[in-house]
């Protein structure tokens, strides 16, 4: 994802290029049963997020109701209608992680990053989310940044972890 996508300010040329790429994706998949999620996934990868205007474009080009597109976008937490950060931090708040200090990690990150859950830092560096379980219960508390899992995290380790990014 380029810096313009992270901050949500694509130039007119970048936007036109993205829409052209998304139209190609739609043409490739639109006649395949159940392809909406795949198209949305690729569209978000290309554009960075799925604003209503882009959902309308997908709806029109797939000849399906906007309500169906928006319903899928709003149902799956993977999809975002607002610009996302360069990196995604997910703190696990499943039972094991919560009991072993996950809530303290969330509170510390909110303060350190200056952002609420679901938000993106003002510099576009991080989007901050929670996960109900990341499947690392034996390593609790755990968190992920992008695809990297950090185990047995505590507030004393967080600055060192974040400094890597």
C-alpha atoms as a PDB file:
ATOM      1  CA  UNK A   1       0.000   0.000   0.000  1.00  0.00           C
ATOM      2  CA  UNK A   2       1.472   3.381  -0.884  1.00  0.00           C
ATOM      3  CA  UNK A   3       1.546   6.367   1.462  1.00  0.00           C
ATOM      4  CA  UNK A   4      -1.305   8.119  -0.327  1.00  0.00           C
ATOM      5  CA  UNK A   5      -3.568   5.105   0.250  1.00  0.00           C
ATOM      6  CA  UNK A   6      -2.618   4.960   3.914  1.00  0.00           C
ATOM      7  CA  UNK A   7      -3.674   8.557   4.429  1.00  0.00           C
ATOM      8  CA  UNK A   8      -6.702   8.200   2.173  1.00  0.00           C
ATOM      9  CA  UNK A   9      -5.759  10.991  -0.209  1.00  0.00           C
ATOM     10  CA  UNK A  10      -5.307   9.481  -3.636  1.00  0.00           C
ATOM     11  CA  UNK A  11      -4.599  11.840  -6.492  1.00  0.00           C
ATOM     12  CA  UNK A  12      -7.069  11.868  -9.371  1.00  0.00           C
ATOM     13  CA  UNK A  13      -4.647   9.790 -11.467  1.00  0.00           C
ATOM     14  CA  UNK A  14      -4.105   7.228  -8.685  1.00  0.00           C
ATOM     15  CA  UNK A  15      -7.851   6.946  -8.149  1.00  0.00           C
ATOM     16  CA  UNK A  16      -8.502   6.433 -11.882  1.00  0.00           C
ATOM     17  CA  UNK A  17      -5.766   3.779 -12.040  1.00  0.00           C
ATOM     18  CA  UNK A  18      -7.194   1.990  -8.986  1.00  0.00           C
ATOM     19  CA  UNK A  19     -10.736   2.023 -10.399  1.00  0.00           C
ATOM     20  CA  UNK A  20      -9.425   0.680 -13.712  1.00  0.00           C
ATOM     21  CA  UNK A  21      -7.644  -2.174 -11.911  1.00  0.00           C
ATOM     22  CA  UNK A  22     -10.775  -2.912  -9.882  1.00  0.00           C
ATOM     23  CA  UNK A  23     -12.888  -2.947 -13.070  1.00  0.00           C
ATOM     24  CA  UNK A  24     -10.482  -5.553 -14.485  1.00  0.00           C
ATOM     25  CA  UNK A  25     -10.852  -7.654 -11.322  1.00  0.00           C
ATOM     26  CA  UNK A  26     -14.642  -7.430 -11.593  1.00  0.00           C
ATOM     27  CA  UNK A  27     -14.536  -8.489 -15.246  1.00  0.00           C
ATOM     28  CA  UNK A  28     -12.378 -11.462 -14.304  1.00  0.00           C
ATOM     29  CA  UNK A  29     -14.577 -12.708 -11.449  1.00  0.00           C
ATOM     30  CA  UNK A  30     -18.102 -11.318 -11.847  1.00  0.00           C
ATOM     31  CA  UNK A  31     -19.593 -14.333 -13.598  1.00  0.00           C
ATOM     32  CA  UNK A  32     -18.276 -16.757 -10.986  1.00  0.00           C
ATOM     33  CA  UNK A  33     -20.677 -17.811  -8.237  1.00  0.00           C
ATOM     34  CA  UNK A  34     -19.804 -16.386  -4.817  1.00  0.00           C
ATOM     35  CA  UNK A  35     -17.105 -14.063  -6.121  1.00  0.00           C
ATOM     36  CA  UNK A  36     -18.184 -10.908  -4.267  1.00  0.00           C
ATOM     37  CA  UNK A  37     -15.911 -11.475  -1.259  1.00  0.00           C
ATOM     38  CA  UNK A  38     -12.914 -12.134  -3.519  1.00  0.00           C
ATOM     39  CA  UNK A  39     -13.642  -8.981  -5.536  1.00  0.00           C
ATOM     40  CA  UNK A  40     -14.013  -6.899  -2.360  1.00  0.00           C
ATOM     41  CA  UNK A  41     -10.787  -8.331  -0.974  1.00  0.00           C
ATOM     42  CA  UNK A  42      -8.856  -7.450  -4.138  1.00  0.00           C
ATOM     43  CA  UNK A  43     -10.530  -4.043  -4.381  1.00  0.00           C
ATOM     44  CA  UNK A  44      -9.479  -3.230  -0.826  1.00  0.00           C
ATOM     45  CA  UNK A  45      -5.953  -4.414  -1.595  1.00  0.00           C
ATOM     46  CA  UNK A  46      -5.823  -2.106  -4.617  1.00  0.00           C
ATOM     47  CA  UNK A  47      -7.591   0.945  -3.148  1.00  0.00           C
ATOM     48  CA  UNK A  48      -6.691   0.577   0.508  1.00  0.00           C
ATOM     49  CA  UNK A  49     -10.263   0.614   1.819  1.00  0.00           C
ATOM     50  CA  UNK A  50     -13.854   0.351   0.565  1.00  0.00           C
ATOM     51  CA  UNK A  51     -15.613   3.723   0.749  1.00  0.00           C
ATOM     52  CA  UNK A  52     -19.280   3.931  -0.270  1.00  0.00           C
ATOM     53  CA  UNK A  53     -18.373   5.394  -3.657  1.00  0.00           C
ATOM     54  CA  UNK A  54     -16.258   2.320  -4.439  1.00  0.00           C
ATOM     55  CA  UNK A  55     -18.974  -0.011  -3.149  1.00  0.00           C
ATOM     56  CA  UNK A  56     -21.403   1.702  -5.549  1.00  0.00           C
ATOM     57  CA  UNK A  57     -18.917   1.184  -8.411  1.00  0.00           C
ATOM     58  CA  UNK A  58     -18.630  -2.526  -7.570  1.00  0.00           C
ATOM     59  CA  UNK A  59     -22.417  -2.834  -7.239  1.00  0.00           C
ATOM     60  CA  UNK A  60     -23.044  -1.255 -10.643  1.00  0.00           C
ATOM     61  CA  UNK A  61     -20.340  -3.223 -12.428  1.00  0.00           C
ATOM     62  CA  UNK A  62     -21.442  -6.540 -10.930  1.00  0.00           C
ATOM     63  CA  UNK A  63     -25.113  -5.726 -11.463  1.00  0.00           C
ATOM     64  CA  UNK A  64     -26.006  -6.545  -7.863  1.00  0.00           C
ATOM     65  CA  UNK A  65     -27.756  -4.358  -5.275  1.00  0.00           C
ATOM     66  CA  UNK A  66     -25.628  -1.929  -3.289  1.00  0.00           C
ATOM     67  CA  UNK A  67     -27.262  -3.338  -0.140  1.00  0.00           C
ATOM     68  CA  UNK A  68     -25.682  -6.729  -0.884  1.00  0.00           C
ATOM     69  CA  UNK A  69     -22.211  -5.224  -1.345  1.00  0.00           C
ATOM     70  CA  UNK A  70     -22.529  -3.008   1.744  1.00  0.00           C
ATOM     71  CA  UNK A  71     -23.924  -5.912   3.757  1.00  0.00           C
ATOM     72  CA  UNK A  72     -20.851  -8.025   3.055  1.00  0.00           C
ATOM     73  CA  UNK A  73     -18.490  -5.102   3.731  1.00  0.00           C
ATOM     74  CA  UNK A  74     -20.126  -4.320   7.062  1.00  0.00           C
ATOM     75  CA  UNK A  75     -20.427  -7.972   8.147  1.00  0.00           C
ATOM     76  CA  UNK A  76     -16.769  -8.989   7.787  1.00  0.00           C
ATOM     77  CA  UNK A  77     -14.317  -7.199  10.068  1.00  0.00           C
ATOM     78  CA  UNK A  78     -11.546  -7.629   7.503  1.00  0.00           C
ATOM     79  CA  UNK A  79     -13.147  -4.981   5.294  1.00  0.00           C
ATOM     80  CA  UNK A  80     -12.748  -1.310   6.099  1.00  0.00           C
ATOM     81  CA  UNK A  81     -14.687   1.678   4.789  1.00  0.00           C
ATOM     82  CA  UNK A  82     -12.085   4.156   6.041  1.00  0.00           C
ATOM     83  CA  UNK A  83      -8.357   4.395   5.287  1.00  0.00           C
ATOM     84  CA  UNK A  84      -6.238   1.978   7.264  1.00  0.00           C
ATOM     85  CA  UNK A  85      -2.753   2.340   8.631  1.00  0.00           C
ATOM     86  CA  UNK A  86       0.406   0.986   7.101  1.00  0.00           C
ATOM     87  CA  UNK A  87       0.441  -1.685   9.842  1.00  0.00           C
ATOM     88  CA  UNK A  88      -2.451  -3.315  11.697  1.00  0.00           C
ATOM     89  CA  UNK A  89      -2.111  -4.051  15.394  1.00  0.00           C
ATOM     90  CA  UNK A  90      -4.535  -6.653  16.756  1.00  0.00           C
ATOM     91  CA  UNK A  91      -4.531  -7.350  20.476  1.00  0.00           C
ATOM     92  CA  UNK A  92      -6.137 -10.640  21.407  1.00  0.00           C
ATOM     93  CA  UNK A  93      -8.889 -10.362  23.989  1.00  0.00           C
ATOM     94  CA  UNK A  94      -9.920 -14.006  23.982  1.00  0.00           C
ATOM     95  CA  UNK A  95     -10.407 -15.485  27.436  1.00  0.00           C
ATOM     96  CA  UNK A  96      -6.792 -16.570  28.055  1.00  0.00           C
ATOM     97  CA  UNK A  97      -5.312 -13.301  26.777  1.00  0.00           C
ATOM     98  CA  UNK A  98      -7.839 -11.161  28.641  1.00  0.00           C
ATOM     99  CA  UNK A  99      -7.215 -12.964  31.938  1.00  0.00           C
ATOM    100  CA  UNK A 100      -3.437 -12.697  31.518  1.00  0.00           C
ATOM    101  CA  UNK A 101      -3.376  -8.945  30.868  1.00  0.00           C
ATOM    102  CA  UNK A 102      -4.756  -8.253  27.399  1.00  0.00           C
ATOM    103  CA  UNK A 103      -6.840  -5.331  28.671  1.00  0.00           C
ATOM    104  CA  UNK A 104      -3.711  -3.600  30.061  1.00  0.00           C
ATOM    105  CA  UNK A 105      -2.061  -3.952  26.655  1.00  0.00           C
ATOM    106  CA  UNK A 106      -5.085  -2.347  24.983  1.00  0.00           C
ATOM    107  CA  UNK A 107      -5.100   0.538  27.465  1.00  0.00           C
ATOM    108  CA  UNK A 108      -1.361   1.141  27.068  1.00  0.00           C
ATOM    109  CA  UNK A 109      -1.553   1.101  23.260  1.00  0.00           C
ATOM    110  CA  UNK A 110      -4.511   3.501  23.250  1.00  0.00           C
ATOM    111  CA  UNK A 111      -2.461   5.943  25.299  1.00  0.00           C
ATOM    112  CA  UNK A 112       0.838   5.420  23.450  1.00  0.00           C
ATOM    113  CA  UNK A 113      -0.689   5.615  19.973  1.00  0.00           C
ATOM    114  CA  UNK A 114      -3.289   8.263  20.830  1.00  0.00           C
ATOM    115  CA  UNK A 115      -6.040   6.308  19.099  1.00  0.00           C
ATOM    116  CA  UNK A 116      -9.202   4.465  20.089  1.00  0.00           C
ATOM    117  CA  UNK A 117      -9.988   0.889  19.093  1.00  0.00           C
ATOM    118  CA  UNK A 118     -10.782   0.676  15.407  1.00  0.00           C
ATOM    119  CA  UNK A 119      -8.925   3.901  14.725  1.00  0.00           C
ATOM    120  CA  UNK A 120      -5.834   4.793  12.741  1.00  0.00           C
ATOM    121  CA  UNK A 121      -3.004   6.922  14.094  1.00  0.00           C
ATOM    122  CA  UNK A 122      -2.796  10.470  12.756  1.00  0.00           C
ATOM    123  CA  UNK A 123       0.460   9.646  10.944  1.00  0.00           C
ATOM    124  CA  UNK A 124      -1.175   6.709   9.144  1.00  0.00           C
ATOM    125  CA  UNK A 125       1.302   4.248  10.653  1.00  0.00           C
ATOM    126  CA  UNK A 126      -1.014   1.966  12.664  1.00  0.00           C
ATOM    127  CA  UNK A 127      -4.617   0.830  12.686  1.00  0.00           C
ATOM    128  CA  UNK A 128      -5.525  -0.499  16.146  1.00  0.00           C
ATOM    129  CA  UNK A 129      -8.002  -3.353  16.573  1.00  0.00           C
ATOM    130  CA  UNK A 130      -8.876  -6.155  18.933  1.00  0.00           C
ATOM    131  CA  UNK A 131      -9.294  -9.803  18.046  1.00  0.00           C
ATOM    132  CA  UNK A 132     -11.486 -12.254  19.895  1.00  0.00           C
ATOM    133  CA  UNK A 133      -8.912 -15.021  19.477  1.00  0.00           C
ATOM    134  CA  UNK A 134      -5.765 -15.365  17.384  1.00  0.00           C
ATOM    135  CA  UNK A 135      -5.219 -19.015  18.289  1.00  0.00           C
ATOM    136  CA  UNK A 136      -2.212 -18.459  20.531  1.00  0.00           C
ATOM    137  CA  UNK A 137      -3.874 -19.167  23.872  1.00  0.00           C
ATOM    138  CA  UNK A 138      -0.838 -20.953  25.292  1.00  0.00           C
ATOM    139  CA  UNK A 139       1.239 -17.847  24.587  1.00  0.00           C
ATOM    140  CA  UNK A 140      -1.162 -15.395  26.220  1.00  0.00           C
ATOM    141  CA  UNK A 141      -1.355 -12.508  26.235  1.00  0.00           C
ATOM    142  CA  UNK A 142      -0.685 -12.263  22.520  1.00  0.00           C
ATOM    143  CA  UNK A 143      -0.991  -9.648  19.814  1.00  0.00           C
ATOM    144  CA  UNK A 144      -0.290  -9.401  16.119  1.00  0.00           C
ATOM    145  CA  UNK A 145       1.195  -6.683  13.998  1.00  0.00           C
ATOM    146  CA  UNK A 146       0.312  -7.484  10.414  1.00  0.00           C
ATOM    147  CA  UNK A 147       1.065 -11.227  10.189  1.00  0.00           C
ATOM    148  CA  UNK A 148       3.586 -11.426  13.043  1.00  0.00           C
ATOM    149  CA  UNK A 149       2.406 -12.858  16.369  1.00  0.00           C
ATOM    150  CA  UNK A 150       3.981 -11.527  19.565  1.00  0.00           C
ATOM    151  CA  UNK A 151       3.666 -13.868  22.537  1.00  0.00           C
ATOM    152  CA  UNK A 152       3.548 -13.248  26.270  1.00  0.00           C
ATOM    153  CA  UNK A 153       3.339  -9.511  25.705  1.00  0.00           C
ATOM    154  CA  UNK A 154       3.291  -7.078  28.591  1.00  0.00           C
ATOM    155  CA  UNK A 155       3.386  -3.280  28.722  1.00  0.00           C
ATOM    156  CA  UNK A 156       7.148  -3.350  29.320  1.00  0.00           C
ATOM    157  CA  UNK A 157       7.709  -5.067  25.934  1.00  0.00           C
ATOM    158  CA  UNK A 158       5.392  -2.875  23.863  1.00  0.00           C
ATOM    159  CA  UNK A 159       7.709   0.068  23.178  1.00  0.00           C
ATOM    160  CA  UNK A 160      10.446  -2.243  21.904  1.00  0.00           C
ATOM    161  CA  UNK A 161       7.937  -4.057  19.676  1.00  0.00           C
ATOM    162  CA  UNK A 162       6.491  -0.832  18.253  1.00  0.00           C
ATOM    163  CA  UNK A 163       9.926   0.656  17.646  1.00  0.00           C
ATOM    164  CA  UNK A 164      10.539  -2.083  15.055  1.00  0.00           C
ATOM    165  CA  UNK A 165       7.870  -0.441  12.895  1.00  0.00           C
END
